[in-house]
Each structure stands twice: as C-alpha cells, then as structure tokens.
Amino acid sequence: MLRRPSPLQERVKRVPIECAPCARYTLPMTDKPQLNPFLKLALDIGPLILFFLANSRPALFTPLLAKFLPAEVIAGERGGIFAATAVFMIAVVVALAVSYALTRKLPIMPVVTVIIVLVLGAATLYFQNETFIKLKPTFIYVLFGATLIGGYLFDKPFLQIVFDSVYHLDAAGWRKLTVRWALFFFALAALNEIVWRTQTTDMWVNFKVFGVIPLIFIFTALQLPLMQKHAVAEDKKPSS
C-alpha cells in the first residue's frame, strides 16, 4: 500500500534544489506571480551550461562576441575561457531580466551574484586573466556563508526569512539548517580554491558545471530528515 507523502515532502517536491538558500528558489504560497519550477531551474543552470559550451566550443559564439572581444582573443590559446566568461556575463543578466519580467521582483542573492559575475568577468576580459572569474565562486560562497553565520550570531535567521512561506520549522530547526548551509558554502569555497589552483582551466569548468551542481542537489536532499524532525504545523510556527 502506498504511503501518502507528508506535507513537508510535498513542499520539498515543489521546490527546485539547485541552490536551496537562494531566494529565487522560494515558492511561497501567495498570490504573487511565481516562476514555473522548471523555468527557474533553466534560468539558473542555463548560464552554466552556456559557460561550459563556450569554453569548449568558443567558435560557436564568435558571431555573438565579435562586438565585445577581438577575434584574436577568442582564437587564442585561452580563448575558450574568455569566450565563456563573456557569454556567462550576458546569460546571467538575461536570466535575471527574465525572472524580473515574470515576477516583478529581484531577490537580493541573485542580484548580488550577478554583480559579482559582472565585476570579476569584466576584470577577466580587461586584463585577459582568467584568475578573476575562477575566484568568483569563492567570493560568492564565502559571502553566502558569512551572511548566514552573521544572521545566526545576531539572531537574524535569514533562511527563515526567505523560506518561511515554504518550510515551517521550529527555531532549533532553522538554527541547525543555517549552520549546515553556512558550513557547506564554506566547504564549496575551499573546494573551488583547491580545484582551480591545482587543475587545468578545462577541468575547473567541468567541476563547476558537473561537480558543484550535483553536490548541491545531494546536500539539499540530505537536509530532509532534519526538516521533517523540526517541522511544525503552519498555525503553530514560531514567529521570526
């Protein structure tokens, strides 16, 4: 006999888990416009897929990038990563614009991410030094982790603020989840530093696309037992 999923499991199934703490992944039970979960996933993973394709096949994007990058740069030994950086910059801006056009809101974390991508991407192309774009994940993960820890220390549960309309946990549950995600982000930052400093650029790109995303999916799924243990009824949830 099949068991009916719990309310918490039903909510988890409706929330994409590519990066759970990011505000764009909330699906509040409100009347505000919400993106289709599959479209949300496409908007977040799409730029990374384009980043991978542009790095491996820069010639495919030469017509698009001709106005931004000299042909000799794209055709050079490091043309792949420079083409990928330019394509990634365009893609994240387009993804954010599409999200805003459909929902009329700009979650803070995606906005901060786009700003970091544009700043470090511009530095990469201007100085023709891929180190800047390789540092981007480290900066973002450290920023997210530090933000969560800061909220934890000052009793500002940012995860609860973002996800309170999706997950209903007690105070202990939010604290534990905050610490876990903060440590996970710091671990990703350290892992990114190890990979880009010890591996080739192509290996780093592969890791960024095919390594980090599965890790985030797996880690998010592993939090389900904690969330089930600390789940509370909606009418009994603690105030922020």
Protein backbone atom coordinates (compact mmCIF):
# COMPACT_ATOMS: atom_id res chain seq x y z
CA MET A 1 0.00 0.00 0.00
CA LEU A 2 1.43 3.38 -0.97
CA ARG A 3 2.03 5.92 1.78
CA ARG A 4 0.76 9.44 1.24
CA PRO A 5 3.68 11.95 1.26
CA SER A 6 3.83 14.24 4.26
CA PRO A 7 3.06 17.96 3.81
CA LEU A 8 6.78 18.73 4.15
CA GLN A 9 7.68 16.23 1.43
CA GLU A 10 5.07 17.75 -0.84
CA ARG A 11 6.62 21.19 -0.35
CA VAL A 12 10.12 19.90 -1.00
CA LYS A 13 8.96 18.29 -4.25
CA ARG A 14 7.67 21.64 -5.43
CA VAL A 15 10.92 23.47 -4.75
CA PRO A 16 13.91 23.12 -7.13
CA ILE A 17 17.03 22.29 -5.14
CA GLU A 18 19.86 23.56 -7.29
CA CYS A 19 20.68 26.07 -4.57
CA ALA A 20 18.09 25.98 -1.82
CA PRO A 21 19.15 29.03 0.22
CA CYS A 22 18.94 31.34 -2.80
CA ALA A 23 15.83 33.46 -2.76
CA ARG A 24 14.89 32.62 -6.32
CA TYR A 25 14.05 29.07 -5.19
CA THR A 26 11.25 30.01 -2.88
CA LEU A 27 7.76 29.08 -3.90
CA PRO A 28 5.66 30.98 -1.36
CA MET A 29 2.02 30.09 -1.01
CA THR A 30 0.95 33.61 -2.02
CA ASP A 31 -0.90 35.28 -4.87
CA LYS A 32 2.29 36.90 -6.17
CA PRO A 33 3.49 35.76 -9.60
CA GLN A 34 5.79 32.75 -9.32
CA LEU A 35 8.06 31.17 -11.91
CA ASN A 36 7.42 27.65 -13.04
CA PRO A 37 9.91 25.41 -11.15
CA PHE A 38 11.38 24.07 -14.38
CA LEU A 39 11.81 27.58 -15.74
CA LYS A 40 13.54 28.59 -12.51
CA LEU A 41 15.91 25.68 -12.87
CA ALA A 42 16.59 26.57 -16.51
CA LEU A 43 17.33 30.20 -15.64
CA ASP A 44 19.88 29.14 -13.05
CA ILE A 45 21.55 26.22 -14.78
CA GLY A 46 21.26 27.65 -18.29
CA PRO A 47 24.07 30.21 -17.87
CA LEU A 48 26.37 27.49 -16.50
CA ILE A 49 25.64 25.22 -19.46
CA LEU A 50 26.40 28.09 -21.83
CA PHE A 51 29.59 28.76 -19.88
CA PHE A 52 30.65 25.15 -20.43
CA LEU A 53 29.74 25.19 -24.14
CA ALA A 54 31.50 28.48 -24.81
CA ASN A 55 34.65 27.24 -23.09
CA SER A 56 34.73 24.03 -25.12
CA ARG A 57 33.46 25.49 -28.42
CA PRO A 58 34.30 29.23 -28.45
CA ALA A 59 33.98 29.44 -32.25
CA LEU A 60 30.24 28.82 -31.94
CA PHE A 61 29.86 32.10 -30.09
CA THR A 62 32.22 34.20 -32.22
CA PRO A 63 29.37 35.99 -34.09
CA LEU A 64 27.78 36.97 -30.77
CA LEU A 65 31.03 38.09 -29.16
CA ALA A 66 32.60 39.83 -32.16
CA LYS A 67 31.44 43.21 -30.87
CA PHE A 68 32.91 42.61 -27.43
CA LEU A 69 36.08 40.57 -27.94
CA PRO A 70 38.75 40.80 -30.64
CA ALA A 71 38.83 37.75 -32.89
CA GLU A 72 42.43 37.02 -31.91
CA VAL A 73 41.42 36.76 -28.26
CA ILE A 74 38.73 34.17 -28.97
CA ALA A 75 41.04 32.26 -31.29
CA GLY A 76 43.95 32.37 -28.85
CA GLU A 77 45.18 29.64 -26.53
CA ARG A 78 42.93 30.86 -23.71
CA GLY A 79 40.10 31.95 -25.98
CA GLY A 80 37.74 29.36 -24.54
CA ILE A 81 37.66 30.75 -21.02
CA PHE A 82 37.43 34.34 -22.25
CA ALA A 83 34.54 33.50 -24.57
CA ALA A 84 32.88 31.54 -21.76
CA THR A 85 33.25 34.48 -19.39
CA ALA A 86 31.65 36.90 -21.83
CA VAL A 87 28.79 34.51 -22.61
CA PHE A 88 28.25 33.85 -18.90
CA MET A 89 28.04 37.59 -18.16
CA ILE A 90 25.39 38.05 -20.83
CA ALA A 91 23.49 34.94 -19.79
CA VAL A 92 23.19 35.82 -16.09
CA VAL A 93 21.90 39.29 -16.92
CA VAL A 94 19.33 37.86 -19.34
CA ALA A 95 18.26 35.23 -16.77
CA LEU A 96 17.78 37.88 -14.09
CA ALA A 97 15.87 40.13 -16.51
CA VAL A 98 13.54 37.27 -17.50
CA SER A 99 12.93 36.44 -13.83
CA TYR A 100 12.10 40.07 -13.06
CA ALA A 101 9.86 40.44 -16.10
CA LEU A 102 7.78 37.46 -15.00
CA THR A 103 7.69 38.05 -11.23
CA ARG A 104 8.33 41.80 -10.86
CA LYS A 105 10.74 41.20 -8.00
CA LEU A 106 14.51 40.97 -7.64
CA PRO A 107 15.71 38.62 -4.86
CA ILE A 108 18.84 40.00 -3.24
CA MET A 109 21.07 36.93 -3.59
CA PRO A 110 20.69 36.60 -7.37
CA VAL A 111 21.29 40.35 -7.75
CA VAL A 112 24.49 40.14 -5.68
CA THR A 113 25.60 37.12 -7.70
CA VAL A 114 25.10 38.96 -11.00
CA ILE A 115 27.04 41.98 -9.72
CA ILE A 116 29.99 39.79 -8.71
CA VAL A 117 29.89 37.99 -12.07
CA LEU A 118 29.92 41.28 -13.97
CA VAL A 119 32.73 42.82 -11.92
CA LEU A 120 35.03 39.78 -11.96
CA GLY A 121 34.06 38.91 -15.53
CA ALA A 122 34.93 42.41 -16.71
CA ALA A 123 38.27 42.17 -14.90
CA THR A 124 38.92 38.81 -16.56
CA LEU A 125 38.34 40.22 -20.03
CA TYR A 126 40.06 43.56 -19.47
CA PHE A 127 43.25 42.08 -18.01
CA GLN A 128 42.90 38.85 -20.02
CA ASN A 129 43.47 36.90 -16.83
CA GLU A 130 41.11 34.03 -16.02
CA THR A 131 42.04 34.12 -12.33
CA PHE A 132 39.30 36.66 -11.66
CA ILE A 133 36.46 34.50 -12.97
CA LYS A 134 37.88 31.48 -11.17
CA LEU A 135 37.68 33.42 -7.91
CA LYS A 136 34.01 34.25 -8.49
CA PRO A 137 32.58 31.08 -6.90
CA THR A 138 34.85 31.50 -3.89
CA PHE A 139 33.66 35.07 -3.30
CA ILE A 140 30.01 34.11 -3.68
CA TYR A 141 30.18 31.04 -1.43
CA VAL A 142 32.09 32.91 1.28
CA LEU A 143 29.60 35.79 1.07
CA PHE A 144 26.62 33.45 1.39
CA GLY A 145 28.23 31.52 4.23
CA ALA A 146 29.27 34.65 6.12
CA THR A 147 25.79 36.14 5.69
CA LEU A 148 24.18 33.05 7.19
CA ILE A 149 26.65 32.91 10.09
CA GLY A 150 26.19 36.64 10.73
CA GLY A 151 22.44 36.17 10.86
CA TYR A 152 22.88 33.20 13.18
CA LEU A 153 25.09 35.15 15.59
CA PHE A 154 22.80 38.20 15.63
CA ASP A 155 19.61 36.17 15.81
CA LYS A 156 18.54 37.11 12.28
CA PRO A 157 17.58 33.78 10.68
CA PHE A 158 17.91 34.66 7.00
CA LEU A 159 16.92 31.18 5.88
CA GLN A 160 13.71 31.50 7.86
CA ILE A 161 13.02 34.92 6.36
CA VAL A 162 13.49 33.53 2.84
CA PHE A 163 11.79 30.16 3.27
CA ASP A 164 9.21 30.74 5.99
CA SER A 165 6.35 30.60 3.48
CA VAL A 166 7.56 27.22 2.16
CA TYR A 167 9.00 25.38 5.17
CA HIS A 168 7.56 25.61 8.67
CA LEU A 169 10.24 24.67 11.19
CA ASP A 170 10.78 25.37 14.86
CA ALA A 171 13.52 27.75 15.99
CA ALA A 172 16.02 24.94 16.63
CA GLY A 173 15.44 23.60 13.14
CA TRP A 174 16.17 26.95 11.50
CA ARG A 175 19.35 27.35 13.56
CA LYS A 176 20.65 23.90 12.64
CA LEU A 177 19.78 24.37 8.97
CA THR A 178 21.51 27.75 8.93
CA VAL A 179 24.73 26.35 10.38
CA ARG A 180 24.71 23.40 7.98
CA TRP A 181 24.27 25.59 4.91
CA ALA A 182 26.87 28.08 6.07
CA LEU A 183 29.45 25.32 6.58
CA PHE A 184 28.51 23.80 3.23
CA PHE A 185 29.10 27.11 1.46
CA PHE A 186 32.49 27.49 3.14
CA ALA A 187 33.36 23.95 2.08
CA LEU A 188 32.40 24.75 -1.53
CA ALA A 189 34.60 27.86 -1.39
CA ALA A 190 37.57 25.81 -0.19
CA LEU A 191 36.90 23.13 -2.80
CA ASN A 192 36.78 25.74 -5.57
CA GLU A 193 40.13 27.13 -4.43
CA ILE A 194 41.69 23.67 -4.46
CA VAL A 195 40.38 22.79 -7.91
CA TRP A 196 41.27 25.97 -9.77
CA ARG A 197 44.72 26.19 -8.18
CA THR A 198 45.65 22.56 -8.89
CA GLN A 199 43.78 21.66 -12.08
CA THR A 200 43.59 22.93 -15.64
CA THR A 201 41.05 25.54 -16.68
CA ASP A 202 39.00 22.96 -18.57
CA MET A 203 38.92 20.70 -15.51
CA TRP A 204 37.79 23.62 -13.35
CA VAL A 205 34.98 24.42 -15.79
CA ASN A 206 33.86 20.78 -15.75
CA PHE A 207 33.93 20.77 -11.96
CA LYS A 208 31.91 23.97 -11.82
CA VAL A 209 29.17 22.55 -14.03
CA PHE A 210 29.19 18.80 -13.36
CA GLY A 211 30.59 18.73 -9.84
CA VAL A 212 29.11 21.59 -7.84
CA ILE A 213 25.52 21.25 -9.05
CA PRO A 214 25.20 17.56 -8.11
CA LEU A 215 26.83 18.29 -4.75
CA ILE A 216 24.23 20.95 -4.02
CA PHE A 217 21.38 18.65 -5.04
CA ILE A 218 22.70 15.87 -2.81
CA PHE A 219 23.35 18.14 0.17
CA THR A 220 19.88 19.68 -0.12
CA ALA A 221 18.25 16.26 -0.21
CA LEU A 222 20.21 15.20 2.89
CA GLN A 223 18.59 18.02 4.88
CA LEU A 224 15.12 16.47 4.53
CA PRO A 225 15.36 14.33 7.72
CA LEU A 226 16.27 17.39 9.81
CA MET A 227 13.44 19.38 8.27
CA GLN A 228 10.97 16.59 8.94
CA LYS A 229 12.15 16.30 12.55
CA HIS A 230 11.71 20.02 13.22
CA ALA A 231 8.61 20.61 11.11
CA VAL A 232 5.73 22.35 12.85
CA ALA A 233 2.15 22.97 11.84
CA GLU A 234 1.67 26.22 9.96
CA ASP A 235 -0.61 27.66 12.61
CA LYS A 236 1.94 26.82 15.31
CA LYS A 237 5.11 28.06 13.58
CA PRO A 238 7.36 30.31 15.68
CA SER A 239 7.45 33.99 14.96
CA SER A 240 10.60 35.44 13.36
